[in-house]
Amino acid sequence: MAALFVLWRLFHLPFWSAAEYCFTAGLFLYVLLRSVAAVLLSIARVQATGLLMKPFSRMVAVGIFAALRYLYGLGLIKSLAVLGVLYIISAYLTARVRRRSERFFAV
């Protein structure tokens, strides 16, 4: 909320643009923290290394969304559609990797 207020009032950005920047930054930080947790779980051998694919593919999806939206100027709806498609693909591939690792490790 503080970042939204600073962007809106002090940097004179429109409210919805500031809210969009805060949403993107928050989503990226959330995915980054989940990625770090997944790496630490893999180092501790609590989860299989193949399951690192989910947080990293989601981080790539958020990065692609940010690049399309802010660098290439694609519309918000189209950028969110690309983000949704990439999240669905990530979920499908992660489920596939999880099934294979469960069969391989006989969990």
N, C-alpha and C. Protein backbone atom coordinates (compact mmCIF):
# COMPACT_ATOMS: atom_id res chain seq x y z
N MET A 1 0.83 -1.18 0.00
CA MET A 1 0.00 0.00 0.00
C MET A 1 0.87 1.25 0.00
N ALA A 2 1.98 1.20 0.74
CA ALA A 2 2.87 2.36 0.78
C ALA A 2 3.48 2.61 -0.60
N ALA A 3 3.90 1.54 -1.28
CA ALA A 3 4.48 1.70 -2.61
C ALA A 3 3.45 2.26 -3.58
N LEU A 4 2.23 1.80 -3.47
CA LEU A 4 1.16 2.31 -4.33
C LEU A 4 0.94 3.80 -4.09
N PHE A 5 0.93 4.19 -2.83
CA PHE A 5 0.75 5.60 -2.49
C PHE A 5 1.91 6.45 -3.01
N VAL A 6 3.14 5.96 -2.85
CA VAL A 6 4.32 6.70 -3.32
C VAL A 6 4.29 6.86 -4.83
N LEU A 7 3.98 5.77 -5.55
CA LEU A 7 3.91 5.86 -7.01
C LEU A 7 2.81 6.80 -7.47
N TRP A 8 1.69 6.75 -6.78
CA TRP A 8 0.54 7.53 -7.20
C TRP A 8 0.70 9.02 -6.88
N ARG A 9 1.07 9.32 -5.64
CA ARG A 9 1.12 10.72 -5.20
C ARG A 9 2.46 11.40 -5.50
N LEU A 10 3.55 10.72 -5.22
CA LEU A 10 4.85 11.39 -5.35
C LEU A 10 5.40 11.35 -6.77
N PHE A 11 5.19 10.23 -7.47
CA PHE A 11 5.69 10.13 -8.84
C PHE A 11 4.63 10.50 -9.88
N HIS A 12 3.44 10.87 -9.42
CA HIS A 12 2.35 11.35 -10.27
C HIS A 12 1.98 10.38 -11.39
N LEU A 13 1.98 9.09 -11.07
CA LEU A 13 1.49 8.08 -12.01
C LEU A 13 -0.02 7.97 -11.85
N PRO A 14 -0.73 7.62 -12.92
CA PRO A 14 -2.16 7.34 -12.75
C PRO A 14 -2.36 6.17 -11.77
N PHE A 15 -3.47 6.20 -11.07
CA PHE A 15 -3.69 5.21 -10.01
C PHE A 15 -3.63 3.79 -10.54
N TRP A 16 -4.29 3.51 -11.67
CA TRP A 16 -4.34 2.13 -12.17
C TRP A 16 -2.99 1.68 -12.69
N SER A 17 -2.19 2.58 -13.22
CA SER A 17 -0.83 2.21 -13.64
C SER A 17 0.02 1.87 -12.42
N ALA A 18 -0.11 2.67 -11.37
CA ALA A 18 0.62 2.39 -10.14
C ALA A 18 0.18 1.07 -9.53
N ALA A 19 -1.13 0.80 -9.56
CA ALA A 19 -1.64 -0.47 -9.03
C ALA A 19 -1.12 -1.64 -9.86
N GLU A 20 -1.02 -1.46 -11.17
CA GLU A 20 -0.52 -2.52 -12.04
C GLU A 20 0.96 -2.79 -11.77
N TYR A 21 1.75 -1.73 -11.58
CA TYR A 21 3.17 -1.90 -11.25
C TYR A 21 3.33 -2.64 -9.93
N CYS A 22 2.53 -2.26 -8.94
CA CYS A 22 2.61 -2.92 -7.63
C CYS A 22 2.19 -4.38 -7.73
N PHE A 23 1.16 -4.68 -8.51
CA PHE A 23 0.73 -6.06 -8.71
C PHE A 23 1.83 -6.89 -9.35
N THR A 24 2.45 -6.37 -10.40
CA THR A 24 3.51 -7.10 -11.09
C THR A 24 4.71 -7.32 -10.18
N ALA A 25 5.11 -6.29 -9.46
CA ALA A 25 6.25 -6.42 -8.55
C ALA A 25 5.93 -7.41 -7.42
N GLY A 26 4.73 -7.35 -6.88
CA GLY A 26 4.33 -8.27 -5.82
C GLY A 26 4.27 -9.71 -6.31
N LEU A 27 3.74 -9.91 -7.49
CA LEU A 27 3.68 -11.26 -8.06
C LEU A 27 5.07 -11.81 -8.30
N PHE A 28 5.97 -10.96 -8.82
CA PHE A 28 7.34 -11.41 -9.06
C PHE A 28 8.04 -11.75 -7.75
N LEU A 29 7.87 -10.94 -6.71
CA LEU A 29 8.50 -11.24 -5.42
C LEU A 29 7.94 -12.52 -4.81
N TYR A 30 6.63 -12.74 -4.93
CA TYR A 30 6.02 -13.96 -4.42
C TYR A 30 6.61 -15.19 -5.12
N VAL A 31 6.70 -15.12 -6.44
CA VAL A 31 7.23 -16.25 -7.20
C VAL A 31 8.71 -16.44 -6.90
N LEU A 32 9.45 -15.34 -6.71
CA LEU A 32 10.87 -15.43 -6.37
C LEU A 32 11.07 -16.11 -5.02
N LEU A 33 10.27 -15.75 -4.03
CA LEU A 33 10.39 -16.39 -2.71
C LEU A 33 10.02 -17.86 -2.77
N ARG A 34 9.01 -18.21 -3.56
CA ARG A 34 8.66 -19.63 -3.72
C ARG A 34 9.79 -20.38 -4.41
N SER A 35 10.48 -19.74 -5.34
CA SER A 35 11.61 -20.37 -6.03
C SER A 35 12.76 -20.62 -5.07
N VAL A 36 13.05 -19.65 -4.23
CA VAL A 36 14.12 -19.82 -3.24
C VAL A 36 13.76 -20.95 -2.28
N ALA A 37 12.50 -21.01 -1.86
CA ALA A 37 12.07 -22.10 -0.98
C ALA A 37 12.20 -23.46 -1.66
N ALA A 38 11.88 -23.52 -2.94
CA ALA A 38 12.00 -24.79 -3.68
C ALA A 38 13.46 -25.22 -3.79
N VAL A 39 14.33 -24.26 -4.03
CA VAL A 39 15.77 -24.58 -4.10
C VAL A 39 16.26 -25.10 -2.76
N LEU A 40 15.86 -24.44 -1.69
CA LEU A 40 16.29 -24.88 -0.36
C LEU A 40 15.74 -26.26 -0.01
N LEU A 41 14.50 -26.55 -0.41
CA LEU A 41 13.94 -27.87 -0.17
C LEU A 41 14.67 -28.94 -0.98
N SER A 42 15.09 -28.58 -2.17
CA SER A 42 15.84 -29.53 -2.99
C SER A 42 17.23 -29.78 -2.42
N ILE A 43 17.85 -28.73 -1.91
CA ILE A 43 19.17 -28.89 -1.28
C ILE A 43 19.06 -29.77 -0.05
N ALA A 44 17.97 -29.60 0.71
CA ALA A 44 17.77 -30.41 1.91
C ALA A 44 17.26 -31.81 1.58
N ARG A 45 17.05 -32.08 0.29
CA ARG A 45 16.57 -33.37 -0.20
C ARG A 45 15.18 -33.74 0.32
N VAL A 46 14.37 -32.72 0.53
CA VAL A 46 12.99 -32.95 0.95
C VAL A 46 12.10 -33.16 -0.28
N GLN A 47 12.45 -32.52 -1.38
CA GLN A 47 11.69 -32.70 -2.62
C GLN A 47 12.67 -32.99 -3.75
N ALA A 48 12.14 -33.60 -4.79
CA ALA A 48 12.97 -33.96 -5.93
C ALA A 48 13.41 -32.71 -6.69
N THR A 49 14.57 -32.77 -7.28
CA THR A 49 15.10 -31.62 -8.02
C THR A 49 14.25 -31.29 -9.23
N GLY A 50 13.61 -32.29 -9.81
CA GLY A 50 12.74 -32.04 -10.96
C GLY A 50 11.56 -31.14 -10.65
N LEU A 51 11.20 -31.03 -9.40
CA LEU A 51 10.06 -30.20 -9.03
C LEU A 51 10.42 -28.72 -8.93
N LEU A 52 11.69 -28.39 -9.17
CA LEU A 52 12.08 -26.99 -9.24
C LEU A 52 11.52 -26.31 -10.48
N MET A 53 11.03 -27.11 -11.39
CA MET A 53 10.53 -26.59 -12.66
C MET A 53 9.33 -25.65 -12.45
N LYS A 54 8.47 -25.95 -11.50
CA LYS A 54 7.26 -25.16 -11.31
C LYS A 54 7.55 -23.71 -10.93
N PRO A 55 8.31 -23.45 -9.86
CA PRO A 55 8.52 -22.03 -9.53
C PRO A 55 9.34 -21.29 -10.57
N PHE A 56 10.30 -21.95 -11.18
CA PHE A 56 11.11 -21.25 -12.17
C PHE A 56 10.33 -20.98 -13.45
N SER A 57 9.46 -21.90 -13.85
CA SER A 57 8.65 -21.64 -15.04
C SER A 57 7.64 -20.54 -14.77
N ARG A 58 7.16 -20.45 -13.55
CA ARG A 58 6.24 -19.36 -13.21
C ARG A 58 6.97 -18.03 -13.14
N MET A 59 8.24 -18.05 -12.68
CA MET A 59 9.01 -16.81 -12.67
C MET A 59 9.27 -16.34 -14.11
N VAL A 60 9.53 -17.27 -15.00
CA VAL A 60 9.70 -16.93 -16.42
C VAL A 60 8.40 -16.36 -16.98
N ALA A 61 7.26 -16.95 -16.59
CA ALA A 61 5.97 -16.45 -17.07
C ALA A 61 5.73 -15.01 -16.62
N VAL A 62 6.05 -14.70 -15.37
CA VAL A 62 5.88 -13.33 -14.88
C VAL A 62 6.85 -12.39 -15.60
N GLY A 63 8.07 -12.86 -15.85
CA GLY A 63 9.03 -12.05 -16.59
C GLY A 63 8.58 -11.77 -18.01
N ILE A 64 7.99 -12.77 -18.67
CA ILE A 64 7.47 -12.58 -20.02
C ILE A 64 6.30 -11.60 -20.00
N PHE A 65 5.42 -11.73 -18.99
CA PHE A 65 4.31 -10.79 -18.85
C PHE A 65 4.82 -9.36 -18.70
N ALA A 66 5.81 -9.17 -17.82
CA ALA A 66 6.35 -7.82 -17.60
C ALA A 66 7.01 -7.29 -18.87
N ALA A 67 7.74 -8.15 -19.58
CA ALA A 67 8.39 -7.69 -20.81
C ALA A 67 7.36 -7.31 -21.86
N LEU A 68 6.33 -8.14 -22.04
CA LEU A 68 5.31 -7.82 -23.03
C LEU A 68 4.55 -6.54 -22.67
N ARG A 69 4.27 -6.39 -21.40
CA ARG A 69 3.46 -5.25 -20.98
C ARG A 69 4.26 -3.95 -20.98
N TYR A 70 5.45 -3.97 -20.39
CA TYR A 70 6.17 -2.71 -20.16
C TYR A 70 7.22 -2.41 -21.21
N LEU A 71 7.85 -3.41 -21.80
CA LEU A 71 8.87 -3.14 -22.81
C LEU A 71 8.28 -3.03 -24.21
N TYR A 72 7.33 -3.92 -24.53
CA TYR A 72 6.77 -3.93 -25.88
C TYR A 72 5.42 -3.23 -25.98
N GLY A 73 4.86 -2.80 -24.85
CA GLY A 73 3.63 -2.02 -24.87
C GLY A 73 2.38 -2.79 -25.27
N LEU A 74 2.38 -4.10 -25.06
CA LEU A 74 1.19 -4.90 -25.36
C LEU A 74 0.09 -4.53 -24.36
N GLY A 75 -1.15 -4.65 -24.76
CA GLY A 75 -2.26 -4.30 -23.89
C GLY A 75 -2.35 -5.18 -22.65
N LEU A 76 -3.03 -4.68 -21.64
CA LEU A 76 -3.14 -5.41 -20.38
C LEU A 76 -3.86 -6.74 -20.55
N ILE A 77 -4.94 -6.75 -21.27
CA ILE A 77 -5.73 -7.97 -21.44
C ILE A 77 -4.92 -9.03 -22.18
N LYS A 78 -4.25 -8.62 -23.25
CA LYS A 78 -3.45 -9.56 -24.01
C LYS A 78 -2.28 -10.09 -23.18
N SER A 79 -1.65 -9.21 -22.39
CA SER A 79 -0.54 -9.65 -21.54
C SER A 79 -1.02 -10.62 -20.47
N LEU A 80 -2.18 -10.34 -19.88
CA LEU A 80 -2.73 -11.25 -18.88
C LEU A 80 -3.13 -12.58 -19.50
N ALA A 81 -3.60 -12.55 -20.74
CA ALA A 81 -3.94 -13.80 -21.43
C ALA A 81 -2.68 -14.65 -21.64
N VAL A 82 -1.59 -14.01 -22.04
CA VAL A 82 -0.32 -14.74 -22.21
C VAL A 82 0.14 -15.30 -20.87
N LEU A 83 0.03 -14.50 -19.80
CA LEU A 83 0.40 -14.97 -18.46
C LEU A 83 -0.44 -16.17 -18.06
N GLY A 84 -1.75 -16.12 -18.31
CA GLY A 84 -2.62 -17.25 -17.98
C GLY A 84 -2.27 -18.51 -18.75
N VAL A 85 -1.99 -18.37 -20.04
CA VAL A 85 -1.62 -19.53 -20.85
C VAL A 85 -0.31 -20.13 -20.35
N LEU A 86 0.66 -19.27 -20.03
CA LEU A 86 1.94 -19.78 -19.53
C LEU A 86 1.78 -20.46 -18.17
N TYR A 87 0.90 -19.93 -17.31
CA TYR A 87 0.65 -20.58 -16.02
C TYR A 87 0.01 -21.95 -16.21
N ILE A 88 -0.92 -22.06 -17.15
CA ILE A 88 -1.57 -23.35 -17.41
C ILE A 88 -0.56 -24.36 -17.95
N ILE A 89 0.28 -23.92 -18.87
CA ILE A 89 1.32 -24.81 -19.40
C ILE A 89 2.28 -25.23 -18.29
N SER A 90 2.63 -24.29 -17.43
CA SER A 90 3.51 -24.60 -16.31
C SER A 90 2.88 -25.63 -15.38
N ALA A 91 1.60 -25.48 -15.09
CA ALA A 91 0.93 -26.43 -14.21
C ALA A 91 0.88 -27.82 -14.84
N TYR A 92 0.60 -27.88 -16.14
CA TYR A 92 0.55 -29.17 -16.84
C TYR A 92 1.91 -29.85 -16.84
N LEU A 93 2.95 -29.12 -17.18
CA LEU A 93 4.29 -29.72 -17.21
C LEU A 93 4.76 -30.13 -15.82
N THR A 94 4.43 -29.34 -14.83
CA THR A 94 4.84 -29.68 -13.47
C THR A 94 4.12 -30.94 -12.99
N ALA A 95 2.84 -31.07 -13.30
CA ALA A 95 2.10 -32.28 -12.93
C ALA A 95 2.70 -33.50 -13.61
N ARG A 96 3.10 -33.33 -14.84
CA ARG A 96 3.73 -34.43 -15.58
C ARG A 96 5.07 -34.83 -14.96
N VAL A 97 5.88 -33.84 -14.59
CA VAL A 97 7.17 -34.12 -13.95
C VAL A 97 6.94 -34.76 -12.59
N ARG A 98 5.94 -34.28 -11.85
CA ARG A 98 5.66 -34.85 -10.52
C ARG A 98 5.25 -36.32 -10.64
N ARG A 99 4.40 -36.65 -11.61
CA ARG A 99 4.00 -38.05 -11.79
C ARG A 99 5.19 -38.93 -12.11
N ARG A 100 6.05 -38.44 -13.00
CA ARG A 100 7.23 -39.23 -13.36
C ARG A 100 8.19 -39.39 -12.19
N SER A 101 8.37 -38.34 -11.41
CA SER A 101 9.28 -38.46 -10.27
C SER A 101 8.71 -39.36 -9.19
N GLU A 102 7.38 -39.35 -9.02
CA GLU A 102 6.77 -40.25 -8.04
C GLU A 102 6.91 -41.69 -8.47
N ARG A 103 6.78 -41.96 -9.77
CA ARG A 103 7.00 -43.33 -10.26
C ARG A 103 8.46 -43.73 -10.12
N PHE A 104 9.37 -42.80 -10.41
CA PHE A 104 10.78 -43.12 -10.37
C PHE A 104 11.25 -43.35 -8.93
N PHE A 105 10.80 -42.51 -8.01
CA PHE A 105 11.22 -42.63 -6.62
C PHE A 105 10.31 -43.54 -5.82
N ALA A 106 9.25 -44.06 -6.42
CA ALA A 106 8.29 -44.96 -5.79
C ALA A 106 7.75 -44.37 -4.50
N VAL A 107 7.25 -43.16 -4.60
CA VAL A 107 6.72 -42.47 -3.42
C VAL A 107 5.28 -42.86 -3.22
